[in-house]
Amino acid sequence: MQKAIALRVNLWIEGEDKPQPDFGDSTKQALRDIIDDGVSSHPELSGNIRVTVEGNEGDENPIN
């Protein structure tokens, strides 16, 4: 039986980065890498990131 679910995740990422690069861009790529690794661990599932939105700490619903 085919099933699907949309999950909304509010993820806070912290780390060290060089002064010039955009931390948002590097963390979005890191998130994609993390998701790809997780999906490869579960070949019975497929998934993708449809929207990434940079929010502020404490945002309850940054994706509209």
Protein backbone atom coordinates (compact mmCIF):
# COMPACT_ATOMS: atom_id res chain seq x y z
CA MET A 1 0.00 0.00 0.00
CA GLN A 2 1.45 3.36 -1.05
CA LYS A 3 1.44 5.97 1.73
CA ALA A 4 2.75 9.52 2.00
CA ILE A 5 3.06 12.19 4.67
CA ALA A 6 4.18 15.82 4.70
CA LEU A 7 6.21 16.71 7.78
CA ARG A 8 6.98 20.25 8.90
CA VAL A 9 10.23 20.46 10.85
CA ASN A 10 11.64 23.44 12.69
CA LEU A 11 15.38 22.71 12.82
CA TRP A 12 17.93 24.88 14.64
CA ILE A 13 21.50 24.53 13.37
CA GLU A 14 24.58 26.06 14.98
CA GLY A 15 28.21 25.81 14.03
CA GLU A 16 31.43 27.58 13.19
CA ASP A 17 31.88 29.04 9.70
CA LYS A 18 34.21 31.41 7.91
CA PRO A 19 33.23 35.12 8.07
CA GLN A 20 32.42 35.53 4.35
CA PRO A 21 30.24 32.55 3.33
CA ASP A 22 26.49 32.73 3.79
CA PHE A 23 25.79 30.45 6.76
CA GLY A 24 22.24 29.90 5.48
CA ASP A 25 23.48 28.46 2.20
CA SER A 26 26.03 26.16 3.83
CA THR A 27 23.53 24.85 6.41
CA LYS A 28 20.87 24.24 3.74
CA GLN A 29 23.39 22.10 1.84
CA ALA A 30 24.32 20.28 5.04
CA LEU A 31 20.64 19.54 5.67
CA ARG A 32 20.25 18.13 2.15
CA ASP A 33 23.30 15.90 2.76
CA ILE A 34 21.87 14.69 6.08
CA ILE A 35 18.49 13.89 4.49
CA ASP A 36 20.17 12.09 1.57
CA ASP A 37 22.18 9.94 3.98
CA GLY A 38 19.05 9.09 5.97
CA VAL A 39 17.05 8.19 2.87
CA SER A 40 19.83 5.87 1.68
CA SER A 41 19.54 4.04 5.03
CA HIS A 42 15.86 3.34 4.27
CA PRO A 43 15.60 2.25 0.61
CA GLU A 44 11.91 1.45 1.06
CA LEU A 45 11.26 5.21 1.41
CA SER A 46 11.86 8.16 -0.86
CA GLY A 47 11.81 11.80 0.05
CA ASN A 48 12.93 15.26 -0.91
CA ILE A 49 13.15 18.76 0.49
CA ARG A 50 10.57 20.97 -1.19
CA VAL A 51 11.06 24.20 0.76
CA THR A 52 13.83 25.63 2.92
CA VAL A 53 13.15 28.92 4.66
CA GLU A 54 15.55 30.68 6.97
CA GLY A 55 13.75 31.77 10.11
CA ASN A 56 14.58 33.24 13.48
CA GLU A 57 14.99 31.46 16.79
CA GLY A 58 11.57 30.87 18.30
CA ASP A 59 9.63 31.06 15.02
CA GLU A 60 6.57 28.89 15.50
CA ASN A 61 5.67 28.63 11.82
CA PRO A 62 8.35 30.03 9.44
CA ILE A 63 6.87 28.26 6.40
CA ASN A 64 3.54 29.62 5.20
